[in-house]
Amino acid sequence: MNKSPTWILVMNGSRAKVYQLTTFPKIAEVTTFEHPETRLHTHDVYSSKPGRVFQRGGSTRHGYEGTEEYKEIEKEKFAKTLAHHLSTAFQKGEFLRLYIMASPALLGSLRKVIEPQIYSSAVVGEIAKDMTAHTVAEIEEHLTNL
């Protein structure tokens, strides 16, 4: 077993893959996560138009819209799911070092929900780019540039 197991998390808003570093920079896939809810369109989720509200002191009506969009909420949920998985795996010693490759917005969401101990002691590199559609060889090439 590797003395210092290293994972590479490659993610976007609806998909994530976890790789293990075998021999730098070679990697092998450990697991995959899917969050199809993020790919749904808002009209597929909500069956009717937004509610209506009356303006105070008058008869003017406006469409009521929530302050957060559905996809953003689902991306936050997915980031929390991944953070929980990372926490459990880190506590079990499945990895000691972590590289993260994600879009800038999702990277920010993950930073907010990942445990500070994991972030400060395990995260050794980040790439703020969605690499989920890239090949393993391309991911390995990006690792050599970190």
C-alpha atoms as a PDB file:
ATOM      1  CA  MET A   1       0.000   0.000   0.000  1.00  0.00           C
ATOM      2  CA  ASN A   2       1.114   3.520  -0.757  1.00  0.00           C
ATOM      3  CA  LYS A   3       2.638   5.190   2.331  1.00  0.00           C
ATOM      4  CA  SER A   4       1.032   8.511   1.470  1.00  0.00           C
ATOM      5  CA  PRO A   5      -2.106   7.712  -0.534  1.00  0.00           C
ATOM      6  CA  THR A   6      -3.062  10.557  -2.812  1.00  0.00           C
ATOM      7  CA  TRP A   7      -6.471  11.168  -4.347  1.00  0.00           C
ATOM      8  CA  ILE A   8      -7.413  13.396  -7.240  1.00  0.00           C
ATOM      9  CA  LEU A   9     -10.990  14.736  -7.211  1.00  0.00           C
ATOM     10  CA  VAL A  10     -12.191  15.812 -10.671  1.00  0.00           C
ATOM     11  CA  MET A  11     -15.645  17.374 -10.541  1.00  0.00           C
ATOM     12  CA  ASN A  12     -18.284  19.580 -12.054  1.00  0.00           C
ATOM     13  CA  GLY A  13     -21.823  20.369 -10.885  1.00  0.00           C
ATOM     14  CA  SER A  14     -23.269  16.980 -11.782  1.00  0.00           C
ATOM     15  CA  ARG A  15     -20.399  14.502 -11.932  1.00  0.00           C
ATOM     16  CA  ALA A  16     -17.285  13.687  -9.965  1.00  0.00           C
ATOM     17  CA  LYS A  17     -14.566  11.098 -10.291  1.00  0.00           C
ATOM     18  CA  VAL A  18     -12.055  10.188  -7.647  1.00  0.00           C
ATOM     19  CA  TYR A  19      -8.719   8.847  -8.816  1.00  0.00           C
ATOM     20  CA  GLN A  20      -5.827   7.434  -6.807  1.00  0.00           C
ATOM     21  CA  LEU A  21      -2.273   8.293  -7.677  1.00  0.00           C
ATOM     22  CA  THR A  22      -0.488   5.004  -8.407  1.00  0.00           C
ATOM     23  CA  THR A  23       2.955   6.086  -9.587  1.00  0.00           C
ATOM     24  CA  PHE A  24       3.310   9.797 -10.303  1.00  0.00           C
ATOM     25  CA  PRO A  25       1.696  10.947 -12.529  1.00  0.00           C
ATOM     26  CA  LYS A  26      -0.246   7.731 -13.293  1.00  0.00           C
ATOM     27  CA  ILE A  27      -3.741   7.497 -11.792  1.00  0.00           C
ATOM     28  CA  ALA A  28      -6.474   4.878 -11.427  1.00  0.00           C
ATOM     29  CA  GLU A  29     -10.179   5.519 -10.934  1.00  0.00           C
ATOM     30  CA  VAL A  30     -11.492   4.802  -7.429  1.00  0.00           C
ATOM     31  CA  THR A  31     -15.146   5.832  -7.657  1.00  0.00           C
ATOM     32  CA  THR A  32     -17.644   7.967  -9.550  1.00  0.00           C
ATOM     33  CA  PHE A  33     -20.451  10.187  -8.263  1.00  0.00           C
ATOM     34  CA  GLU A  34     -23.441  11.376 -10.293  1.00  0.00           C
ATOM     35  CA  HIS A  35     -25.874  14.138  -9.361  1.00  0.00           C
ATOM     36  CA  PRO A  36     -28.405  14.237 -12.226  1.00  0.00           C
ATOM     37  CA  GLU A  37     -30.626  16.770 -10.448  1.00  0.00           C
ATOM     38  CA  THR A  38     -28.149  19.489 -11.410  1.00  0.00           C
ATOM     39  CA  ARG A  39     -28.727  18.785 -15.099  1.00  0.00           C
ATOM     40  CA  LEU A  40     -32.512  19.243 -14.863  1.00  0.00           C
ATOM     41  CA  HIS A  41     -34.069  22.411 -16.209  1.00  0.00           C
ATOM     42  CA  THR A  42     -36.003  24.566 -13.770  1.00  0.00           C
ATOM     43  CA  HIS A  43     -39.241  23.979 -15.703  1.00  0.00           C
ATOM     44  CA  ASP A  44     -38.734  20.205 -15.249  1.00  0.00           C
ATOM     45  CA  VAL A  45     -38.634  20.669 -11.479  1.00  0.00           C
ATOM     46  CA  TYR A  46     -41.424  23.162 -10.914  1.00  0.00           C
ATOM     47  CA  SER A  47     -44.798  22.255 -12.360  1.00  0.00           C
ATOM     48  CA  SER A  48     -46.308  25.724 -12.471  1.00  0.00           C
ATOM     49  CA  LYS A  49     -45.391  29.343 -12.919  1.00  0.00           C
ATOM     50  CA  PRO A  50     -44.005  31.291  -9.965  1.00  0.00           C
ATOM     51  CA  GLY A  51     -46.573  32.527  -7.481  1.00  0.00           C
ATOM     52  CA  ARG A  52     -47.918  36.054  -7.624  1.00  0.00           C
ATOM     53  CA  VAL A  53     -47.690  38.740  -4.982  1.00  0.00           C
ATOM     54  CA  PHE A  54     -49.508  42.023  -4.663  1.00  0.00           C
ATOM     55  CA  GLN A  55     -47.486  45.162  -4.164  1.00  0.00           C
ATOM     56  CA  ARG A  56     -48.194  46.690  -0.789  1.00  0.00           C
ATOM     57  CA  GLY A  57     -50.669  49.567  -0.924  1.00  0.00           C
ATOM     58  CA  GLY A  58     -51.772  48.924  -4.470  1.00  0.00           C
ATOM     59  CA  SER A  59     -53.246  46.466  -6.879  1.00  0.00           C
ATOM     60  CA  THR A  60     -50.062  45.802  -8.888  1.00  0.00           C
ATOM     61  CA  ARG A  61     -49.041  42.145  -9.063  1.00  0.00           C
ATOM     62  CA  HIS A  62     -45.559  40.742  -9.623  1.00  0.00           C
ATOM     63  CA  GLY A  63     -44.231  37.268 -10.250  1.00  0.00           C
ATOM     64  CA  TYR A  64     -42.599  35.871  -7.127  1.00  0.00           C
ATOM     65  CA  GLU A  65     -39.185  34.334  -7.663  1.00  0.00           C
ATOM     66  CA  GLY A  66     -36.979  32.603  -5.110  1.00  0.00           C
ATOM     67  CA  THR A  67     -33.660  34.226  -4.272  1.00  0.00           C
ATOM     68  CA  GLU A  68     -31.604  31.186  -5.279  1.00  0.00           C
ATOM     69  CA  GLU A  69     -31.806  29.289  -8.516  1.00  0.00           C
ATOM     70  CA  TYR A  70     -32.518  25.567  -8.457  1.00  0.00           C
ATOM     71  CA  LYS A  71     -29.235  24.548 -10.120  1.00  0.00           C
ATOM     72  CA  GLU A  72     -27.150  26.520  -7.633  1.00  0.00           C
ATOM     73  CA  ILE A  73     -28.932  24.824  -4.741  1.00  0.00           C
ATOM     74  CA  GLU A  74     -28.309  21.405  -6.298  1.00  0.00           C
ATOM     75  CA  LYS A  75     -24.618  22.204  -6.877  1.00  0.00           C
ATOM     76  CA  GLU A  76     -24.319  23.129  -3.188  1.00  0.00           C
ATOM     77  CA  LYS A  77     -25.956  19.812  -2.229  1.00  0.00           C
ATOM     78  CA  PHE A  78     -23.544  17.920  -4.471  1.00  0.00           C
ATOM     79  CA  ALA A  79     -20.551  19.738  -2.977  1.00  0.00           C
ATOM     80  CA  LYS A  80     -21.783  18.764   0.514  1.00  0.00           C
ATOM     81  CA  THR A  81     -22.173  15.136  -0.554  1.00  0.00           C
ATOM     82  CA  LEU A  82     -18.611  15.070  -1.880  1.00  0.00           C
ATOM     83  CA  ALA A  83     -17.256  16.844   1.213  1.00  0.00           C
ATOM     84  CA  HIS A  84     -18.927  14.222   3.421  1.00  0.00           C
ATOM     85  CA  HIS A  85     -17.400  11.407   1.359  1.00  0.00           C
ATOM     86  CA  LEU A  86     -13.967  13.031   1.566  1.00  0.00           C
ATOM     87  CA  SER A  87     -14.302  13.449   5.323  1.00  0.00           C
ATOM     88  CA  THR A  88     -15.189   9.790   5.839  1.00  0.00           C
ATOM     89  CA  ALA A  89     -12.395   8.583   3.556  1.00  0.00           C
ATOM     90  CA  PHE A  90      -9.838  10.889   5.191  1.00  0.00           C
ATOM     91  CA  GLN A  91     -10.777   9.650   8.675  1.00  0.00           C
ATOM     92  CA  LYS A  92     -10.347   6.050   7.462  1.00  0.00           C
ATOM     93  CA  GLY A  93      -6.904   6.904   6.071  1.00  0.00           C
ATOM     94  CA  GLU A  94      -7.893   6.176   2.482  1.00  0.00           C
ATOM     95  CA  PHE A  95      -6.010   9.295   1.403  1.00  0.00           C
ATOM     96  CA  LEU A  96      -3.611  11.723   3.045  1.00  0.00           C
ATOM     97  CA  ARG A  97      -3.092  14.089   0.114  1.00  0.00           C
ATOM     98  CA  LEU A  98      -5.710  15.520  -2.241  1.00  0.00           C
ATOM     99  CA  TYR A  99      -5.662  17.345  -5.560  1.00  0.00           C
ATOM    100  CA  ILE A 100      -8.895  19.035  -6.657  1.00  0.00           C
ATOM    101  CA  MET A 101      -9.826  19.870 -10.241  1.00  0.00           C
ATOM    102  CA  ALA A 102     -13.131  21.740 -10.536  1.00  0.00           C
ATOM    103  CA  SER A 103     -14.736  24.763 -12.138  1.00  0.00           C
ATOM    104  CA  PRO A 104     -13.967  27.967 -10.215  1.00  0.00           C
ATOM    105  CA  ALA A 105     -17.525  28.335  -8.826  1.00  0.00           C
ATOM    106  CA  LEU A 106     -17.727  24.714  -7.716  1.00  0.00           C
ATOM    107  CA  LEU A 107     -14.246  24.861  -6.241  1.00  0.00           C
ATOM    108  CA  GLY A 108     -15.446  27.793  -4.127  1.00  0.00           C
ATOM    109  CA  SER A 109     -18.541  25.856  -3.039  1.00  0.00           C
ATOM    110  CA  LEU A 110     -16.421  22.868  -2.032  1.00  0.00           C
ATOM    111  CA  ARG A 111     -14.032  25.064  -0.042  1.00  0.00           C
ATOM    112  CA  LYS A 112     -16.996  26.362   1.986  1.00  0.00           C
ATOM    113  CA  VAL A 113     -18.204  22.897   3.010  1.00  0.00           C
ATOM    114  CA  ILE A 114     -15.042  20.797   3.272  1.00  0.00           C
ATOM    115  CA  GLU A 115     -13.724  20.317   6.797  1.00  0.00           C
ATOM    116  CA  PRO A 116     -10.957  22.846   7.565  1.00  0.00           C
ATOM    117  CA  GLN A 117      -8.650  20.084   8.847  1.00  0.00           C
ATOM    118  CA  ILE A 118      -8.872  18.238   5.537  1.00  0.00           C
ATOM    119  CA  TYR A 119      -8.403  21.397   3.514  1.00  0.00           C
ATOM    120  CA  SER A 120      -5.376  22.590   5.466  1.00  0.00           C
ATOM    121  CA  SER A 121      -3.599  19.262   5.856  1.00  0.00           C
ATOM    122  CA  ALA A 122      -4.568  17.224   2.784  1.00  0.00           C
ATOM    123  CA  VAL A 123      -5.212  19.559  -0.162  1.00  0.00           C
ATOM    124  CA  VAL A 124      -1.895  19.956  -1.933  1.00  0.00           C
ATOM    125  CA  GLY A 125      -3.049  21.389  -5.243  1.00  0.00           C
ATOM    126  CA  GLU A 126      -6.014  22.809  -7.110  1.00  0.00           C
ATOM    127  CA  ILE A 127      -6.895  23.486 -10.709  1.00  0.00           C
ATOM    128  CA  ALA A 128      -9.870  25.808 -11.190  1.00  0.00           C
ATOM    129  CA  LYS A 129     -11.071  24.143 -14.374  1.00  0.00           C
ATOM    130  CA  ASP A 130     -13.753  21.580 -15.231  1.00  0.00           C
ATOM    131  CA  MET A 131     -11.717  18.525 -16.205  1.00  0.00           C
ATOM    132  CA  THR A 132     -14.514  15.930 -16.094  1.00  0.00           C
ATOM    133  CA  ALA A 133     -14.645  15.548 -19.895  1.00  0.00           C
ATOM    134  CA  HIS A 134     -10.863  15.163 -20.184  1.00  0.00           C
ATOM    135  CA  THR A 135      -9.101  11.847 -20.637  1.00  0.00           C
ATOM    136  CA  VAL A 136      -7.029  10.210 -17.927  1.00  0.00           C
ATOM    137  CA  ALA A 137      -3.884  11.109 -19.901  1.00  0.00           C
ATOM    138  CA  GLU A 138      -4.880  14.789 -19.948  1.00  0.00           C
ATOM    139  CA  ILE A 139      -5.564  14.762 -16.199  1.00  0.00           C
ATOM    140  CA  GLU A 140      -2.182  13.140 -15.607  1.00  0.00           C
ATOM    141  CA  GLU A 141      -0.538  15.825 -17.739  1.00  0.00           C
ATOM    142  CA  HIS A 142      -2.176  18.567 -15.618  1.00  0.00           C
ATOM    143  CA  LEU A 143      -0.875  16.843 -12.471  1.00  0.00           C
ATOM    144  CA  THR A 144       2.694  17.174 -13.700  1.00  0.00           C
ATOM    145  CA  ASN A 145       2.166  20.931 -14.067  1.00  0.00           C
ATOM    146  CA  LEU A 146       1.013  21.464 -10.466  1.00  0.00           C
END
